[in-house]
């Protein structure tokens, strides 16, 4: 199965980002594909390389970057939501890219299932 993922919450605000990441890992381990992960609303905060969690805390941004590198998962950040929060190309973490809502629509069309995490 080919999944599209939508993440609407920030990395340390709610469990949505953690849940989306764990879902992606489990789906990939089971032989499924992740067509794209689209970060929208406060979810765009998952993409900033400026995040520095304490050493004893999980680094959610690095987890997403590693997932993209290891499995060639497309991590797309909504341009409008990112700019509203001061996130630009120069402060994106590795593996993320900025694009428009058309990427979300395309993912919804191409994926077998679209799974949303967060409000």
N, C-alpha and C. Protein backbone atom coordinates (compact mmCIF):
# COMPACT_ATOMS: atom_id res chain seq x y z
N UNK A 1 0.84 -1.18 0.00
CA UNK A 1 0.00 0.00 0.00
C UNK A 1 0.89 1.24 0.00
N UNK A 2 0.43 2.26 -0.64
CA UNK A 2 1.14 3.52 -0.76
C UNK A 2 0.41 4.57 0.08
N UNK A 3 1.08 5.11 1.09
CA UNK A 3 0.47 6.07 2.00
C UNK A 3 0.94 7.49 1.73
N UNK A 4 0.02 8.42 1.86
CA UNK A 4 0.33 9.84 1.95
C UNK A 4 0.09 10.24 3.40
N UNK A 5 0.95 11.06 3.94
CA UNK A 5 0.87 11.44 5.35
C UNK A 5 0.76 12.96 5.45
N UNK A 6 -0.14 13.43 6.30
CA UNK A 6 -0.30 14.85 6.58
C UNK A 6 -0.05 15.08 8.07
N UNK A 7 0.90 15.96 8.39
CA UNK A 7 1.25 16.28 9.78
C UNK A 7 0.89 17.74 10.04
N UNK A 8 -0.03 17.97 10.98
CA UNK A 8 -0.53 19.32 11.25
C UNK A 8 -0.06 19.93 12.56
N UNK A 9 0.72 19.20 13.34
CA UNK A 9 1.15 19.68 14.66
C UNK A 9 2.66 19.75 14.74
N UNK A 10 3.15 20.64 15.59
CA UNK A 10 4.58 20.82 15.78
C UNK A 10 5.22 19.63 16.48
N UNK A 11 6.55 19.58 16.48
CA UNK A 11 7.25 18.41 17.00
C UNK A 11 7.15 18.20 18.51
N UNK A 12 6.96 19.24 19.27
CA UNK A 12 6.94 19.08 20.72
C UNK A 12 5.65 19.62 21.34
N UNK A 13 4.65 19.88 20.51
CA UNK A 13 3.38 20.42 20.99
C UNK A 13 2.42 19.32 21.42
N UNK A 14 2.24 18.35 20.55
CA UNK A 14 1.33 17.22 20.77
C UNK A 14 2.03 15.95 20.31
N UNK A 15 1.34 14.85 20.35
CA UNK A 15 1.92 13.57 19.94
C UNK A 15 1.81 13.32 18.44
N UNK A 16 1.20 14.22 17.71
CA UNK A 16 0.93 13.98 16.30
C UNK A 16 2.18 13.69 15.49
N UNK A 17 3.23 14.44 15.70
CA UNK A 17 4.46 14.24 14.93
C UNK A 17 5.11 12.91 15.29
N UNK A 18 5.19 12.60 16.57
CA UNK A 18 5.73 11.31 17.00
C UNK A 18 4.91 10.16 16.42
N UNK A 19 3.60 10.29 16.49
CA UNK A 19 2.72 9.23 15.97
C UNK A 19 2.89 9.06 14.46
N UNK A 20 2.99 10.17 13.74
CA UNK A 20 3.17 10.11 12.28
C UNK A 20 4.49 9.43 11.95
N UNK A 21 5.54 9.79 12.66
CA UNK A 21 6.86 9.19 12.43
C UNK A 21 6.82 7.68 12.71
N UNK A 22 6.24 7.30 13.83
CA UNK A 22 6.16 5.87 14.18
C UNK A 22 5.30 5.11 13.16
N UNK A 23 4.23 5.73 12.69
CA UNK A 23 3.39 5.11 11.66
C UNK A 23 4.21 4.87 10.39
N UNK A 24 4.97 5.88 9.98
CA UNK A 24 5.79 5.75 8.77
C UNK A 24 6.81 4.63 8.92
N UNK A 25 7.49 4.58 10.05
CA UNK A 25 8.48 3.53 10.28
C UNK A 25 7.84 2.15 10.23
N UNK A 26 6.68 2.00 10.88
CA UNK A 26 5.99 0.70 10.90
C UNK A 26 5.51 0.32 9.50
N UNK A 27 4.98 1.28 8.77
CA UNK A 27 4.49 1.00 7.41
C UNK A 27 5.64 0.57 6.51
N UNK A 28 6.76 1.28 6.59
CA UNK A 28 7.92 0.92 5.77
C UNK A 28 8.46 -0.46 6.16
N UNK A 29 8.50 -0.75 7.45
CA UNK A 29 8.98 -2.05 7.92
C UNK A 29 8.08 -3.19 7.44
N UNK A 30 6.81 -2.88 7.25
CA UNK A 30 5.85 -3.89 6.78
C UNK A 30 5.82 -4.00 5.26
N UNK A 31 6.69 -3.24 4.58
CA UNK A 31 6.77 -3.33 3.13
C UNK A 31 5.91 -2.35 2.36
N UNK A 32 5.28 -1.42 3.05
CA UNK A 32 4.47 -0.41 2.39
C UNK A 32 5.36 0.75 1.94
N UNK A 33 4.77 1.65 1.18
CA UNK A 33 5.49 2.83 0.72
C UNK A 33 4.87 4.08 1.34
N UNK A 34 5.72 5.08 1.56
CA UNK A 34 5.26 6.41 1.98
C UNK A 34 5.47 7.32 0.78
N UNK A 35 4.38 7.71 0.15
CA UNK A 35 4.45 8.52 -1.06
C UNK A 35 5.00 9.90 -0.76
N UNK A 36 4.54 10.48 0.33
CA UNK A 36 4.99 11.82 0.72
C UNK A 36 4.49 12.10 2.14
N UNK A 37 5.29 12.87 2.89
CA UNK A 37 4.83 13.42 4.17
C UNK A 37 4.73 14.92 3.95
N UNK A 38 3.53 15.46 4.15
CA UNK A 38 3.29 16.88 3.95
C UNK A 38 3.08 17.52 5.32
N UNK A 39 3.86 18.56 5.61
CA UNK A 39 3.79 19.27 6.89
C UNK A 39 3.04 20.57 6.68
N UNK A 40 1.96 20.75 7.45
CA UNK A 40 1.05 21.88 7.26
C UNK A 40 0.74 22.50 8.62
N UNK A 41 0.22 23.70 8.62
CA UNK A 41 -0.07 24.44 9.87
C UNK A 41 1.18 24.44 10.75
N UNK A 42 1.02 24.17 12.06
CA UNK A 42 2.18 24.14 12.95
C UNK A 42 3.10 22.95 12.68
N UNK A 43 2.65 22.01 11.88
CA UNK A 43 3.48 20.88 11.50
C UNK A 43 4.76 21.28 10.78
N UNK A 44 4.76 22.48 10.19
CA UNK A 44 5.98 22.95 9.49
C UNK A 44 7.15 23.10 10.46
N UNK A 45 6.87 23.23 11.75
CA UNK A 45 7.94 23.36 12.73
C UNK A 45 8.76 22.08 12.87
N UNK A 46 8.29 20.99 12.30
CA UNK A 46 9.07 19.75 12.26
C UNK A 46 10.27 19.86 11.35
N UNK A 47 10.29 20.89 10.49
CA UNK A 47 11.29 20.99 9.43
C UNK A 47 12.44 21.94 9.72
N UNK A 48 12.41 22.63 10.82
CA UNK A 48 13.45 23.64 11.06
C UNK A 48 14.70 23.03 11.68
N UNK A 49 15.85 23.35 11.11
CA UNK A 49 17.12 22.86 11.66
C UNK A 49 17.54 23.65 12.89
N UNK A 50 16.77 24.66 13.27
CA UNK A 50 17.08 25.49 14.43
C UNK A 50 16.62 24.86 15.74
N UNK A 51 15.92 23.74 15.67
CA UNK A 51 15.46 23.04 16.87
C UNK A 51 16.64 22.39 17.58
N UNK A 52 16.75 22.63 18.89
CA UNK A 52 17.82 22.02 19.69
C UNK A 52 17.24 21.46 20.99
N UNK A 53 16.70 20.25 20.93
CA UNK A 53 16.16 19.66 22.16
C UNK A 53 17.28 19.27 23.12
N UNK A 54 16.98 19.14 24.42
CA UNK A 54 18.00 18.70 25.38
C UNK A 54 18.56 17.33 24.98
N UNK A 55 19.77 17.03 25.43
CA UNK A 55 20.43 15.78 25.06
C UNK A 55 19.64 14.54 25.44
N UNK A 56 18.87 14.61 26.52
CA UNK A 56 18.13 13.43 26.97
C UNK A 56 16.74 13.35 26.35
N UNK A 57 16.42 14.23 25.41
CA UNK A 57 15.11 14.23 24.74
C UNK A 57 15.29 13.74 23.31
N UNK A 58 14.22 13.27 22.71
CA UNK A 58 14.26 12.82 21.32
C UNK A 58 14.40 14.03 20.40
N UNK A 59 15.11 13.85 19.30
CA UNK A 59 15.25 14.92 18.31
C UNK A 59 14.37 14.56 17.12
N UNK A 60 13.16 15.06 17.16
CA UNK A 60 12.15 14.69 16.16
C UNK A 60 12.56 15.14 14.77
N UNK A 61 13.14 16.32 14.65
CA UNK A 61 13.55 16.82 13.34
C UNK A 61 14.60 15.89 12.73
N UNK A 62 15.58 15.47 13.52
CA UNK A 62 16.60 14.54 13.02
C UNK A 62 16.00 13.19 12.64
N UNK A 63 14.98 12.76 13.38
CA UNK A 63 14.32 11.49 13.03
C UNK A 63 13.71 11.57 11.63
N UNK A 64 13.02 12.68 11.36
CA UNK A 64 12.42 12.85 10.02
C UNK A 64 13.50 12.89 8.95
N UNK A 65 14.58 13.62 9.21
CA UNK A 65 15.67 13.70 8.24
C UNK A 65 16.26 12.33 7.94
N UNK A 66 16.46 11.54 8.98
CA UNK A 66 17.02 10.20 8.81
C UNK A 66 16.05 9.31 8.03
N UNK A 67 14.76 9.41 8.33
CA UNK A 67 13.75 8.64 7.60
C UNK A 67 13.80 8.96 6.10
N UNK A 68 13.91 10.24 5.80
CA UNK A 68 13.99 10.66 4.39
C UNK A 68 15.23 10.10 3.73
N UNK A 69 16.35 10.15 4.42
CA UNK A 69 17.61 9.67 3.85
C UNK A 69 17.61 8.15 3.67
N UNK A 70 17.12 7.45 4.67
CA UNK A 70 17.16 5.98 4.65
C UNK A 70 16.16 5.37 3.68
N UNK A 71 15.01 6.03 3.51
CA UNK A 71 13.93 5.43 2.72
C UNK A 71 13.48 6.29 1.54
N UNK A 72 14.19 7.37 1.27
CA UNK A 72 13.86 8.28 0.17
C UNK A 72 12.40 8.77 0.25
N UNK A 73 12.00 9.13 1.47
CA UNK A 73 10.66 9.67 1.69
C UNK A 73 10.69 11.16 1.39
N UNK A 74 9.70 11.62 0.63
CA UNK A 74 9.58 13.02 0.25
C UNK A 74 8.95 13.79 1.40
N UNK A 75 9.71 14.70 2.02
CA UNK A 75 9.22 15.52 3.13
C UNK A 75 8.96 16.93 2.60
N UNK A 76 7.70 17.32 2.51
CA UNK A 76 7.31 18.59 1.91
C UNK A 76 6.69 19.49 2.97
N UNK A 77 7.13 20.73 2.99
CA UNK A 77 6.67 21.74 3.94
C UNK A 77 5.84 22.77 3.19
N UNK A 78 4.65 23.08 3.67
CA UNK A 78 3.79 24.07 3.03
C UNK A 78 4.45 25.45 3.08
N UNK A 79 4.59 26.06 1.93
CA UNK A 79 5.29 27.34 1.82
C UNK A 79 4.59 28.44 2.61
N UNK A 80 3.28 28.55 2.50
CA UNK A 80 2.56 29.62 3.19
C UNK A 80 2.64 29.46 4.71
N UNK A 81 2.42 28.24 5.19
CA UNK A 81 2.49 27.98 6.63
C UNK A 81 3.91 28.20 7.15
N UNK A 82 4.90 27.81 6.35
CA UNK A 82 6.30 27.98 6.76
C UNK A 82 6.66 29.46 6.86
N UNK A 83 6.33 30.23 5.85
CA UNK A 83 6.68 31.65 5.87
C UNK A 83 6.00 32.38 7.02
N UNK A 84 4.77 32.00 7.35
CA UNK A 84 4.08 32.62 8.49
C UNK A 84 4.84 32.39 9.79
N UNK A 85 5.61 31.30 9.84
CA UNK A 85 6.33 30.94 11.06
C UNK A 85 7.83 31.21 10.95
N UNK A 86 8.23 31.95 9.93
CA UNK A 86 9.63 32.34 9.77
C UNK A 86 10.53 31.23 9.25
N UNK A 87 9.96 30.21 8.68
CA UNK A 87 10.76 29.09 8.15
C UNK A 87 10.97 29.29 6.66
N UNK A 88 12.24 29.36 6.27
CA UNK A 88 12.62 29.55 4.87
C UNK A 88 13.59 28.45 4.47
N UNK A 89 13.92 28.41 3.18
CA UNK A 89 14.83 27.38 2.68
C UNK A 89 16.12 27.29 3.48
N UNK A 90 16.67 28.44 3.86
CA UNK A 90 17.97 28.44 4.52
C UNK A 90 17.97 27.84 5.93
N UNK A 91 16.80 27.70 6.55
CA UNK A 91 16.79 27.07 7.87
C UNK A 91 16.02 25.76 7.90
N UNK A 92 15.86 25.13 6.72
CA UNK A 92 15.25 23.81 6.67
C UNK A 92 16.27 22.74 7.07
N UNK A 93 15.80 21.74 7.78
CA UNK A 93 16.64 20.59 8.10
C UNK A 93 16.87 19.76 6.83
N UNK A 94 17.88 18.94 6.87
CA UNK A 94 18.22 18.07 5.75
C UNK A 94 17.04 17.15 5.41
N UNK A 95 16.74 17.04 4.13
CA UNK A 95 15.69 16.12 3.68
C UNK A 95 14.34 16.77 3.46
N UNK A 96 14.16 17.99 3.96
CA UNK A 96 12.90 18.71 3.79
C UNK A 96 12.98 19.65 2.60
N UNK A 97 11.83 19.92 2.00
CA UNK A 97 11.77 20.93 0.94
C UNK A 97 10.46 21.70 1.07
N UNK A 98 10.48 22.93 0.62
CA UNK A 98 9.29 23.79 0.67
C UNK A 98 8.57 23.73 -0.66
N UNK A 99 7.26 23.62 -0.60
CA UNK A 99 6.44 23.63 -1.82
C UNK A 99 5.02 24.05 -1.44
N UNK A 100 4.14 24.01 -2.41
CA UNK A 100 2.77 24.48 -2.19
C UNK A 100 1.78 23.37 -1.91
N UNK A 101 0.53 23.78 -1.71
CA UNK A 101 -0.54 22.84 -1.39
C UNK A 101 -0.82 21.86 -2.53
N UNK A 102 -0.37 22.19 -3.73
CA UNK A 102 -0.54 21.27 -4.85
C UNK A 102 0.11 19.92 -4.56
N UNK A 103 1.20 19.93 -3.78
CA UNK A 103 1.88 18.68 -3.41
C UNK A 103 1.00 17.83 -2.49
N UNK A 104 0.21 18.49 -1.64
CA UNK A 104 -0.71 17.76 -0.77
C UNK A 104 -1.83 17.14 -1.62
N UNK A 105 -2.37 17.91 -2.55
CA UNK A 105 -3.43 17.40 -3.43
C UNK A 105 -2.90 16.23 -4.25
N UNK A 106 -1.72 16.39 -4.83
CA UNK A 106 -1.12 15.33 -5.64
C UNK A 106 -0.93 14.06 -4.80
N UNK A 107 -0.47 14.22 -3.58
CA UNK A 107 -0.28 13.07 -2.70
C UNK A 107 -1.61 12.38 -2.41
N UNK A 108 -2.64 13.17 -2.19
CA UNK A 108 -3.97 12.62 -1.92
C UNK A 108 -4.49 11.81 -3.11
N UNK A 109 -4.16 12.24 -4.29
CA UNK A 109 -4.61 11.55 -5.51
C UNK A 109 -3.78 10.28 -5.74
N UNK A 110 -2.48 10.37 -5.58
CA UNK A 110 -1.60 9.27 -5.93
C UNK A 110 -1.52 8.17 -4.87
N UNK A 111 -1.71 8.52 -3.61
CA UNK A 111 -1.61 7.53 -2.54
C UNK A 111 -2.88 6.68 -2.48
N UNK A 112 -2.71 5.45 -2.00
CA UNK A 112 -3.87 4.59 -1.77
C UNK A 112 -4.67 5.08 -0.57
N UNK A 113 -3.98 5.58 0.43
CA UNK A 113 -4.61 6.10 1.65
C UNK A 113 -3.87 7.36 2.07
N UNK A 114 -4.64 8.33 2.54
CA UNK A 114 -4.07 9.56 3.11
C UNK A 114 -4.37 9.53 4.60
N UNK A 115 -3.33 9.61 5.42
CA UNK A 115 -3.49 9.53 6.87
C UNK A 115 -3.07 10.86 7.47
N UNK A 116 -3.95 11.44 8.30
CA UNK A 116 -3.71 12.75 8.90
C UNK A 116 -3.40 12.62 10.38
N UNK A 117 -2.39 13.36 10.83
CA UNK A 117 -2.00 13.39 12.23
C UNK A 117 -2.09 14.82 12.74
N UNK A 118 -2.90 15.04 13.76
CA UNK A 118 -3.12 16.37 14.32
C UNK A 118 -4.36 17.01 13.76
N UNK A 119 -4.79 18.08 14.42
CA UNK A 119 -6.03 18.77 14.01
C UNK A 119 -5.90 19.46 12.69
